[in-house]
Structures are given as C-alpha cells and as structure tokens.
Amino acid sequence: MRLATWNVNSVKARLPRLLEWLATTRPDVLCLQETKCAATAFPTAEVGELGYAVAAHGDGRWNGVAVLSRVGLDDVARGFSDEPGFPDPEARAVAATCAGVRVWSVYVPNGRTPDSPHYLYKLTWLAALRDALAADLSRGPLAVCGDFNVAPTDADVWDPALFVGSTHVTPPEREALAELRRLGLTDVVPTPMKGPHPYTYWDYRAGMFHQNKGMRIDLVYASGDLAALVGNAYVDREARKGKGPSDHAPIVVDLSDGS
C-alpha cells in the first residue's frame, strides 16, 4: 500500500495540481487537510475518474478533511466522540478503513498564540483525539495522518530561537504528541529531498521555501504492526514547487504486504 498525506490548502484552488499528482504518484490512500469546502462540494467526480472513492468532511470555507482511496473505503467516521469545538465542533477529522487499515486524516487546530483560548482548544482537541485513537486501535492496523500543527522537536523547525514564545513548539503541545505515541504509535519520519531536515511546511512569504526555512508539522503516526511494514517514506518537495502550490508538501509512505 502507498499511503500519503497532504495539507492541500484548498482542494478547489489546487485541483489541477492534485489530479496531476494523483495520476503521477498513484497513492492507494491519500489523506487531505484544509480542503476548505463543504463535503457536498468536494470534487468527487474528478478524483473518481482516477479510481478514488472519497470520504469528505467539510462545512465551508475553513478547515475540512478527506480520505481518498482506491483500495476500499469502509466504516467512515466524520469527527469523533467527545470532540470539542470552538465553540462548535469543526471539520477536522475523518476516518475510514482502507484494505484493512484504519486511516485517519486530521487537521489539528492551530492554537494561534499560547495565551489564546484557541490554544486551550488545541490541547483539549488533541486529548480527545488520543482517546478516540485508543478506542480505534482495537480495530487492527492504524495510521493517523495530517497537519498536526506541532513540530515534535527543535530539530523540526528551521531556527528554534525564533519560535520561543510561539505555538507549535511549546512543551504542552509536544507532550500531547507524546501521549499519542504512548498509545503505541510510531512517528514515521520521512526522508527529506533537500537538506538534513524533513520539513513539510514553508511559509509563502520572504522566499522561505527556497531558503529551506521550514517546519515538520505534517506527520504520519502508525501502529506498531503497520510501522514494521514501512519500506520507504519521503517528503515530496517537488509538489511544493511551481505556480500556485500549497504551502505544505505531501508525505508518501510505502508499506510492504508483510510477506
């Protein structure tokens, strides 16, 4: 199985690039975040022409997640039990079973600033996600993929000194990720295409991408049985290039069949 995740930063704005990437890279399962469209407005027909079934969860201009699969799409769940809102639950998580693997696509709240109510919402949301994943691990192999809006370590930001006092790097956020790993999930760290750090996000401003001043905030966490099947994982930095890209690059993970 080839599993991928990508914060596409508007599926409609990025649709030609998405279709080209799907046709070229041919993931079996793709998790999308920040689709920025209602589920009913998702371009299901267009990706369907490439053989993908869609489980989309979105409510309009902001947020939005989806799972695309050409190996089956069963037991779809949009959101999860006890999911907090701000003030109402948002379209930030969707799960489906694809060829026997339980796959989650998640878009974790940004947090804004550490003194913002949105930061507390982020931590509460991550704690509720942990409980939902703990329950779902009984289904078998599991992968939770997406934009976590947290850099797991200082090595995952281009200049840690510049992030002091900011979200994405605070101890409580990193501890929330550690709680997910304590469930038995493994951080599948991809290989970078440039430099020593597998960054997945670069701000549009000030030539950050070309200077490789990025962050690793898009993650793939896999249950132990699934992580043991990882043969290759990489950041597709090429997808961040060219005209009108997302500010995130996809992660692609190749899994063996276990034989």
C-alpha atoms as a PDB file:
ATOM      1  CA  MET A   1       0.000   0.000   0.000  1.00  0.00           C
ATOM      2  CA  ARG A   2       1.139   3.510  -0.777  1.00  0.00           C
ATOM      3  CA  LEU A   3      -0.225   5.922   1.853  1.00  0.00           C
ATOM      4  CA  ALA A   4       0.097   9.692   1.576  1.00  0.00           C
ATOM      5  CA  THR A   5      -0.991  12.838   3.389  1.00  0.00           C
ATOM      6  CA  TRP A   6      -1.162  16.428   2.165  1.00  0.00           C
ATOM      7  CA  ASN A   7      -2.456  19.722   3.504  1.00  0.00           C
ATOM      8  CA  VAL A   8      -3.645  20.924   0.131  1.00  0.00           C
ATOM      9  CA  ASN A   9      -4.701  24.425   1.296  1.00  0.00           C
ATOM     10  CA  SER A  10      -7.978  24.490  -0.722  1.00  0.00           C
ATOM     11  CA  VAL A  11      -8.844  21.487  -2.842  1.00  0.00           C
ATOM     12  CA  LYS A  12     -10.605  23.666  -5.407  1.00  0.00           C
ATOM     13  CA  ALA A  13      -7.694  26.075  -5.810  1.00  0.00           C
ATOM     14  CA  ARG A  14      -5.262  23.169  -6.060  1.00  0.00           C
ATOM     15  CA  LEU A  15      -7.429  20.731  -8.064  1.00  0.00           C
ATOM     16  CA  PRO A  16      -5.347  20.625 -11.290  1.00  0.00           C
ATOM     17  CA  ARG A  17      -2.192  20.061  -9.248  1.00  0.00           C
ATOM     18  CA  LEU A  18      -3.923  17.446  -7.107  1.00  0.00           C
ATOM     19  CA  LEU A  19      -5.180  15.488 -10.111  1.00  0.00           C
ATOM     20  CA  GLU A  20      -1.760  15.563 -11.766  1.00  0.00           C
ATOM     21  CA  TRP A  21      -0.092  14.462  -8.545  1.00  0.00           C
ATOM     22  CA  LEU A  22      -2.560  11.600  -8.050  1.00  0.00           C
ATOM     23  CA  ALA A  23      -2.030  10.390 -11.613  1.00  0.00           C
ATOM     24  CA  THR A  24       1.762  10.539 -11.239  1.00  0.00           C
ATOM     25  CA  THR A  25       2.317   9.362  -7.661  1.00  0.00           C
ATOM     26  CA  ARG A  26      -0.635   6.930  -7.518  1.00  0.00           C
ATOM     27  CA  PRO A  27      -1.119   6.605  -3.775  1.00  0.00           C
ATOM     28  CA  ASP A  28      -3.565   3.904  -2.764  1.00  0.00           C
ATOM     29  CA  VAL A  29      -4.818   6.126   0.048  1.00  0.00           C
ATOM     30  CA  LEU A  30      -4.452   9.891   0.358  1.00  0.00           C
ATOM     31  CA  CYS A  31      -5.380  11.947   3.413  1.00  0.00           C
ATOM     32  CA  LEU A  32      -6.149  15.588   2.670  1.00  0.00           C
ATOM     33  CA  GLN A  33      -6.402  18.517   5.074  1.00  0.00           C
ATOM     34  CA  GLU A  34      -7.575  22.109   4.803  1.00  0.00           C
ATOM     35  CA  THR A  35      -9.825  21.245   1.878  1.00  0.00           C
ATOM     36  CA  LYS A  36     -11.805  24.441   2.533  1.00  0.00           C
ATOM     37  CA  CYS A  37     -15.039  23.194   1.017  1.00  0.00           C
ATOM     38  CA  ALA A  38     -18.276  21.586   2.119  1.00  0.00           C
ATOM     39  CA  ALA A  39     -18.388  17.818   1.784  1.00  0.00           C
ATOM     40  CA  THR A  40     -21.059  18.154  -0.898  1.00  0.00           C
ATOM     41  CA  ALA A  41     -18.768  20.466  -2.901  1.00  0.00           C
ATOM     42  CA  PHE A  42     -15.749  18.163  -2.878  1.00  0.00           C
ATOM     43  CA  PRO A  43     -14.606  17.284  -6.449  1.00  0.00           C
ATOM     44  CA  THR A  44     -15.637  13.663  -6.049  1.00  0.00           C
ATOM     45  CA  ALA A  45     -16.304  13.117  -9.761  1.00  0.00           C
ATOM     46  CA  GLU A  46     -12.900  14.406 -10.810  1.00  0.00           C
ATOM     47  CA  VAL A  47     -10.897  12.195  -8.430  1.00  0.00           C
ATOM     48  CA  GLY A  48     -13.313   9.367  -9.147  1.00  0.00           C
ATOM     49  CA  GLU A  49     -12.119   9.341 -12.748  1.00  0.00           C
ATOM     50  CA  LEU A  50      -8.735   8.310 -11.362  1.00  0.00           C
ATOM     51  CA  GLY A  51     -10.288   5.467  -9.399  1.00  0.00           C
ATOM     52  CA  TYR A  52     -10.656   7.081  -5.990  1.00  0.00           C
ATOM     53  CA  ALA A  53     -13.609   6.834  -3.637  1.00  0.00           C
ATOM     54  CA  VAL A  54     -13.957   9.794  -1.262  1.00  0.00           C
ATOM     55  CA  ALA A  55     -14.890  10.290   2.380  1.00  0.00           C
ATOM     56  CA  ALA A  56     -15.028  14.056   2.855  1.00  0.00           C
ATOM     57  CA  HIS A  57     -15.826  16.094   5.944  1.00  0.00           C
ATOM     58  CA  GLY A  58     -16.169  19.829   5.464  1.00  0.00           C
ATOM     59  CA  ASP A  59     -18.541  22.652   6.209  1.00  0.00           C
ATOM     60  CA  GLY A  60     -17.462  25.551   4.032  1.00  0.00           C
ATOM     61  CA  ARG A  61     -14.594  27.997   3.673  1.00  0.00           C
ATOM     62  CA  TRP A  62     -12.354  26.788   6.503  1.00  0.00           C
ATOM     63  CA  ASN A  63     -10.820  23.529   7.722  1.00  0.00           C
ATOM     64  CA  GLY A  64     -12.047  20.365   6.001  1.00  0.00           C
ATOM     65  CA  VAL A  65     -10.509  16.890   5.683  1.00  0.00           C
ATOM     66  CA  ALA A  66     -10.879  13.907   3.385  1.00  0.00           C
ATOM     67  CA  VAL A  67      -9.690  10.368   2.757  1.00  0.00           C
ATOM     68  CA  LEU A  68      -9.310   9.256  -0.877  1.00  0.00           C
ATOM     69  CA  SER A  69      -8.907   5.537  -1.523  1.00  0.00           C
ATOM     70  CA  ARG A  70      -8.683   3.191  -4.480  1.00  0.00           C
ATOM     71  CA  VAL A  71      -8.439   0.084  -2.249  1.00  0.00           C
ATOM     72  CA  GLY A  72     -11.761   0.319  -0.436  1.00  0.00           C
ATOM     73  CA  LEU A  73     -13.453   2.808   1.872  1.00  0.00           C
ATOM     74  CA  ASP A  74     -15.453   1.319   4.728  1.00  0.00           C
ATOM     75  CA  ASP A  75     -16.688   2.268   8.202  1.00  0.00           C
ATOM     76  CA  VAL A  76     -16.374   6.008   7.576  1.00  0.00           C
ATOM     77  CA  ALA A  77     -16.491   8.225  10.670  1.00  0.00           C
ATOM     78  CA  ARG A  78     -16.644  12.016  10.469  1.00  0.00           C
ATOM     79  CA  GLY A  79     -15.409  13.562  13.681  1.00  0.00           C
ATOM     80  CA  PHE A  80     -15.124  11.536  16.877  1.00  0.00           C
ATOM     81  CA  SER A  81     -16.755  11.055  20.246  1.00  0.00           C
ATOM     82  CA  ASP A  82     -16.373  13.945  22.716  1.00  0.00           C
ATOM     83  CA  GLU A  83     -14.693  16.096  20.055  1.00  0.00           C
ATOM     84  CA  PRO A  84     -14.522  19.659  21.426  1.00  0.00           C
ATOM     85  CA  GLY A  85     -15.488  22.702  19.400  1.00  0.00           C
ATOM     86  CA  PHE A  86     -14.686  26.376  19.224  1.00  0.00           C
ATOM     87  CA  PRO A  87     -17.470  26.693  20.262  1.00  0.00           C
ATOM     88  CA  ASP A  88     -18.978  24.034  17.962  1.00  0.00           C
ATOM     89  CA  PRO A  89     -17.156  21.000  16.525  1.00  0.00           C
ATOM     90  CA  GLU A  90     -15.321  21.733  13.283  1.00  0.00           C
ATOM     91  CA  ALA A  91     -14.491  19.562  10.270  1.00  0.00           C
ATOM     92  CA  ARG A  92     -11.075  18.408  11.461  1.00  0.00           C
ATOM     93  CA  ALA A  93     -11.103  14.596  11.446  1.00  0.00           C
ATOM     94  CA  VAL A  94     -12.352  11.802   9.223  1.00  0.00           C
ATOM     95  CA  ALA A  95     -11.554   8.098   9.431  1.00  0.00           C
ATOM     96  CA  ALA A  96     -12.110   5.123   7.152  1.00  0.00           C
ATOM     97  CA  THR A  97     -10.935   1.555   6.794  1.00  0.00           C
ATOM     98  CA  CYS A  98      -8.958   1.009   3.572  1.00  0.00           C
ATOM     99  CA  ALA A  99      -7.806  -2.523   2.688  1.00  0.00           C
ATOM    100  CA  GLY A 100      -7.862  -3.480   6.367  1.00  0.00           C
ATOM    101  CA  VAL A 101      -6.010  -0.395   7.617  1.00  0.00           C
ATOM    102  CA  ARG A 102      -7.823   2.145   9.756  1.00  0.00           C
ATOM    103  CA  VAL A 103      -6.782   5.541   8.344  1.00  0.00           C
ATOM    104  CA  TRP A 104      -7.400   8.909   9.969  1.00  0.00           C
ATOM    105  CA  SER A 105      -6.963  12.284   8.283  1.00  0.00           C
ATOM    106  CA  VAL A 106      -6.667  15.059  10.881  1.00  0.00           C
ATOM    107  CA  TYR A 107      -6.235  18.807  10.829  1.00  0.00           C
ATOM    108  CA  VAL A 108      -5.269  19.863  14.340  1.00  0.00           C
ATOM    109  CA  PRO A 109      -6.268  23.383  15.471  1.00  0.00           C
ATOM    110  CA  ASN A 110      -3.508  25.960  15.030  1.00  0.00           C
ATOM    111  CA  GLY A 111      -3.586  27.374  18.554  1.00  0.00           C
ATOM    112  CA  ARG A 112      -2.800  30.931  17.393  1.00  0.00           C
ATOM    113  CA  THR A 113      -0.870  32.132  20.460  1.00  0.00           C
ATOM    114  CA  PRO A 114      -0.180  30.431  23.808  1.00  0.00           C
ATOM    115  CA  ASP A 115      -2.388  32.959  25.620  1.00  0.00           C
ATOM    116  CA  SER A 116      -5.319  32.457  23.239  1.00  0.00           C
ATOM    117  CA  PRO A 117      -8.439  30.409  24.032  1.00  0.00           C
ATOM    118  CA  HIS A 118      -7.705  28.666  20.727  1.00  0.00           C
ATOM    119  CA  TYR A 119      -4.528  27.249  22.273  1.00  0.00           C
ATOM    120  CA  LEU A 120      -6.522  25.592  25.060  1.00  0.00           C
ATOM    121  CA  TYR A 121      -8.926  24.320  22.421  1.00  0.00           C
ATOM    122  CA  LYS A 122      -5.978  22.795  20.572  1.00  0.00           C
ATOM    123  CA  LEU A 123      -4.764  20.929  23.644  1.00  0.00           C
ATOM    124  CA  THR A 124      -8.272  19.756  24.527  1.00  0.00           C
ATOM    125  CA  TRP A 125      -8.814  18.603  20.944  1.00  0.00           C
ATOM    126  CA  LEU A 126      -5.575  16.607  20.947  1.00  0.00           C
ATOM    127  CA  ALA A 127      -6.503  14.958  24.254  1.00  0.00           C
ATOM    128  CA  ALA A 128      -9.888  13.936  22.844  1.00  0.00           C
ATOM    129  CA  LEU A 129      -8.195  12.641  19.696  1.00  0.00           C
ATOM    130  CA  ARG A 130      -5.965  10.470  21.856  1.00  0.00           C
ATOM    131  CA  ASP A 131      -8.998   8.854  23.465  1.00  0.00           C
ATOM    132  CA  ALA A 132     -10.623   8.264  20.076  1.00  0.00           C
ATOM    133  CA  LEU A 133      -7.463   6.663  18.688  1.00  0.00           C
ATOM    134  CA  ALA A 134      -7.084   4.470  21.777  1.00  0.00           C
ATOM    135  CA  ALA A 135     -10.536   3.057  21.100  1.00  0.00           C
ATOM    136  CA  ASP A 136      -9.868   2.635  17.374  1.00  0.00           C
ATOM    137  CA  LEU A 137      -6.587   0.744  17.855  1.00  0.00           C
ATOM    138  CA  SER A 138      -8.637  -2.355  18.684  1.00  0.00           C
ATOM    139  CA  ARG A 139      -9.701  -2.485  15.021  1.00  0.00           C
ATOM    140  CA  GLY A 140      -6.205  -3.501  13.902  1.00  0.00           C
ATOM    141  CA  PRO A 141      -3.533  -1.626  11.921  1.00  0.00           C
ATOM    142  CA  LEU A 142      -3.982   2.135  12.213  1.00  0.00           C
ATOM    143  CA  ALA A 143      -2.425   5.261  10.737  1.00  0.00           C
ATOM    144  CA  VAL A 144      -3.267   8.813  11.743  1.00  0.00           C
ATOM    145  CA  CYS A 145      -2.008  11.297   9.192  1.00  0.00           C
ATOM    146  CA  GLY A 146      -2.256  15.004   8.702  1.00  0.00           C
ATOM    147  CA  ASP A 147      -1.334  18.507   9.674  1.00  0.00           C
ATOM    148  CA  PHE A 148      -0.759  18.373  13.424  1.00  0.00           C
ATOM    149  CA  ASN A 149       0.371  21.996  13.721  1.00  0.00           C
ATOM    150  CA  VAL A 150       3.058  20.838  16.167  1.00  0.00           C
ATOM    151  CA  ALA A 151       6.775  20.398  15.481  1.00  0.00           C
ATOM    152  CA  PRO A 152       7.764  17.340  17.559  1.00  0.00           C
ATOM    153  CA  THR A 153      11.307  18.566  18.385  1.00  0.00           C
ATOM    154  CA  ASP A 154      13.528  21.606  17.965  1.00  0.00           C
ATOM    155  CA  ALA A 155      15.146  19.839  15.012  1.00  0.00           C
ATOM    156  CA  ASP A 156      11.794  20.134  13.234  1.00  0.00           C
ATOM    157  CA  VAL A 157      11.919  23.938  12.918  1.00  0.00           C
ATOM    158  CA  TRP A 158      14.491  25.853  10.930  1.00  0.00           C
ATOM    159  CA  ASP A 159      15.505  28.181  13.790  1.00  0.00           C
ATOM    160  CA  PRO A 160      14.244  27.201  17.260  1.00  0.00           C
ATOM    161  CA  ALA A 161      15.251  30.571  18.739  1.00  0.00           C
ATOM    162  CA  LEU A 162      12.749  32.363  16.521  1.00  0.00           C
ATOM    163  CA  PHE A 163       9.868  30.229  17.810  1.00  0.00           C
ATOM    164  CA  VAL A 164      10.334  30.932  21.520  1.00  0.00           C
ATOM    165  CA  GLY A 165       7.003  32.108  22.882  1.00  0.00           C
ATOM    166  CA  SER A 166       5.091  30.818  19.866  1.00  0.00           C
ATOM    167  CA  THR A 167       2.718  27.944  19.360  1.00  0.00           C
ATOM    168  CA  HIS A 168       3.706  24.720  17.581  1.00  0.00           C
ATOM    169  CA  VAL A 169       6.762  24.195  19.805  1.00  0.00           C
ATOM    170  CA  THR A 170       5.530  24.582  23.390  1.00  0.00           C
ATOM    171  CA  PRO A 171       6.040  21.755  25.894  1.00  0.00           C
ATOM    172  CA  PRO A 172       2.277  21.082  26.336  1.00  0.00           C
ATOM    173  CA  GLU A 173       1.807  20.677  22.576  1.00  0.00           C
ATOM    174  CA  ARG A 174       4.763  18.343  22.296  1.00  0.00           C
ATOM    175  CA  GLU A 175       3.553  16.411  25.320  1.00  0.00           C
ATOM    176  CA  ALA A 176       0.192  15.949  23.563  1.00  0.00           C
ATOM    177  CA  LEU A 177       2.046  14.316  20.666  1.00  0.00           C
ATOM    178  CA  ALA A 178       3.999  12.170  23.110  1.00  0.00           C
ATOM    179  CA  GLU A 179       0.679  10.979  24.555  1.00  0.00           C
ATOM    180  CA  LEU A 180      -0.309   9.754  21.099  1.00  0.00           C
ATOM    181  CA  ARG A 181       2.967   7.874  20.769  1.00  0.00           C
ATOM    182  CA  ARG A 182       2.426   6.285  24.182  1.00  0.00           C
ATOM    183  CA  LEU A 183      -0.603   4.559  22.702  1.00  0.00           C
ATOM    184  CA  GLY A 184       1.898   2.531  20.689  1.00  0.00           C
ATOM    185  CA  LEU A 185       2.059   4.779  17.657  1.00  0.00           C
ATOM    186  CA  THR A 186       5.317   5.356  15.788  1.00  0.00           C
ATOM    187  CA  ASP A 187       6.341   8.640  14.181  1.00  0.00           C
ATOM    188  CA  VAL A 188       7.151   7.633  10.599  1.00  0.00           C
ATOM    189  CA  VAL A 189       9.815  10.238   9.838  1.00  0.00           C
ATOM    190  CA  PRO A 190      10.163  10.769   6.083  1.00  0.00           C
ATOM    191  CA  THR A 191      13.352  11.308   4.114  1.00  0.00           C
ATOM    192  CA  PRO A 192      13.871  14.931   3.009  1.00  0.00           C
ATOM    193  CA  MET A 193      14.564  15.761  -0.617  1.00  0.00           C
ATOM    194  CA  LYS A 194      16.814  18.665   0.373  1.00  0.00           C
ATOM    195  CA  GLY A 195      18.950  19.254   3.429  1.00  0.00           C
ATOM    196  CA  PRO A 196      19.032  17.210   6.627  1.00  0.00           C
ATOM    197  CA  HIS A 197      15.529  18.053   7.877  1.00  0.00           C
ATOM    198  CA  PRO A 198      12.281  16.577   6.524  1.00  0.00           C
ATOM    199  CA  TYR A 199      10.321  19.821   6.604  1.00  0.00           C
ATOM    200  CA  THR A 200       6.781  19.682   5.242  1.00  0.00           C
ATOM    201  CA  TYR A 201       5.677  23.333   5.544  1.00  0.00           C
ATOM    202  CA  TRP A 202       7.232  26.587   4.368  1.00  0.00           C
ATOM    203  CA  ASP A 203       5.584  29.994   4.711  1.00  0.00           C
ATOM    204  CA  TYR A 204       4.735  31.640   1.390  1.00  0.00           C
ATOM    205  CA  ARG A 205       6.484  34.836   2.456  1.00  0.00           C
ATOM    206  CA  ALA A 206      10.066  36.028   2.024  1.00  0.00           C
ATOM    207  CA  GLY A 207      11.354  33.124  -0.044  1.00  0.00           C
ATOM    208  CA  MET A 208      11.135  30.726   2.892  1.00  0.00           C
ATOM    209  CA  PHE A 209      10.770  27.664   0.661  1.00  0.00           C
ATOM    210  CA  HIS A 210      13.796  28.436  -1.499  1.00  0.00           C
ATOM    211  CA  GLN A 211      15.886  29.033   1.621  1.00  0.00           C
ATOM    212  CA  ASN A 212      14.500  25.813   3.145  1.00  0.00           C
ATOM    213  CA  LYS A 213      13.329  27.670   6.234  1.00  0.00           C
ATOM    214  CA  GLY A 214      10.561  25.262   7.098  1.00  0.00           C
ATOM    215  CA  MET A 215       8.887  23.137   9.751  1.00  0.00           C
ATOM    216  CA  ARG A 216       7.911  19.496  10.112  1.00  0.00           C
ATOM    217  CA  ILE A 217       4.305  19.712  11.243  1.00  0.00           C
ATOM    218  CA  ASP A 218       2.694  17.194   8.880  1.00  0.00           C
ATOM    219  CA  LEU A 219       3.034  13.757  10.421  1.00  0.00           C
ATOM    220  CA  VAL A 220       2.237  10.091   9.910  1.00  0.00           C
ATOM    221  CA  TYR A 221       1.761   8.144  13.134  1.00  0.00           C
ATOM    222  CA  ALA A 222       1.368   4.383  12.630  1.00  0.00           C
ATOM    223  CA  SER A 223       0.553   1.489  14.936  1.00  0.00           C
ATOM    224  CA  GLY A 224       3.488  -0.824  15.571  1.00  0.00           C
ATOM    225  CA  ASP A 225       2.306  -3.551  13.218  1.00  0.00           C
ATOM    226  CA  LEU A 226       1.914  -1.020  10.409  1.00  0.00           C
ATOM    227  CA  ALA A 227       5.172   0.817  11.149  1.00  0.00           C
ATOM    228  CA  ALA A 228       7.010  -2.504  10.790  1.00  0.00           C
ATOM    229  CA  LEU A 229       5.853  -2.633   7.162  1.00  0.00           C
ATOM    230  CA  VAL A 230       7.264   0.779   6.169  1.00  0.00           C
ATOM    231  CA  GLY A 231       9.711   0.323   3.321  1.00  0.00           C
ATOM    232  CA  ASN A 232      10.133   3.941   2.302  1.00  0.00           C
ATOM    233  CA  ALA A 233       8.842   7.338   3.357  1.00  0.00           C
ATOM    234  CA  TYR A 234       9.650  10.699   1.838  1.00  0.00           C
ATOM    235  CA  VAL A 235       8.578  14.328   1.623  1.00  0.00           C
ATOM    236  CA  ASP A 236       7.570  15.107  -1.957  1.00  0.00           C
ATOM    237  CA  ARG A 237       9.219  18.520  -2.047  1.00  0.00           C
ATOM    238  CA  GLU A 238       8.643  18.783  -5.802  1.00  0.00           C
ATOM    239  CA  ALA A 239       4.924  19.225  -5.145  1.00  0.00           C
ATOM    240  CA  ARG A 240       5.700  22.465  -3.279  1.00  0.00           C
ATOM    241  CA  LYS A 241       7.323  23.978  -6.379  1.00  0.00           C
ATOM    242  CA  GLY A 242       5.862  25.726  -9.400  1.00  0.00           C
ATOM    243  CA  LYS A 243       2.898  28.032  -9.843  1.00  0.00           C
ATOM    244  CA  GLY A 244       0.238  28.172  -7.149  1.00  0.00           C
ATOM    245  CA  PRO A 245       1.360  25.401  -4.773  1.00  0.00           C
ATOM    246  CA  SER A 246       0.073  24.633  -1.319  1.00  0.00           C
ATOM    247  CA  ASP A 247       2.369  25.855   1.445  1.00  0.00           C
ATOM    248  CA  HIS A 248       2.716  22.199   2.515  1.00  0.00           C
ATOM    249  CA  ALA A 249       4.346  19.266   0.729  1.00  0.00           C
ATOM    250  CA  PRO A 250       2.895  15.732   0.731  1.00  0.00           C
ATOM    251  CA  ILE A 251       4.376  12.836   2.678  1.00  0.00           C
ATOM    252  CA  VAL A 252       4.395   9.498   0.868  1.00  0.00           C
ATOM    253  CA  VAL A 253       4.784   6.206   2.757  1.00  0.00           C
ATOM    254  CA  ASP A 254       5.238   2.846   1.027  1.00  0.00           C
ATOM    255  CA  LEU A 255       4.125  -0.200   3.008  1.00  0.00           C
ATOM    256  CA  SER A 256       5.004  -3.795   2.189  1.00  0.00           C
ATOM    257  CA  ASP A 257       2.385  -6.551   2.222  1.00  0.00           C
ATOM    258  CA  GLY A 258       4.113  -8.267   5.129  1.00  0.00           C
ATOM    259  CA  SER A 259       5.014 -11.358   3.161  1.00  0.00           C
END
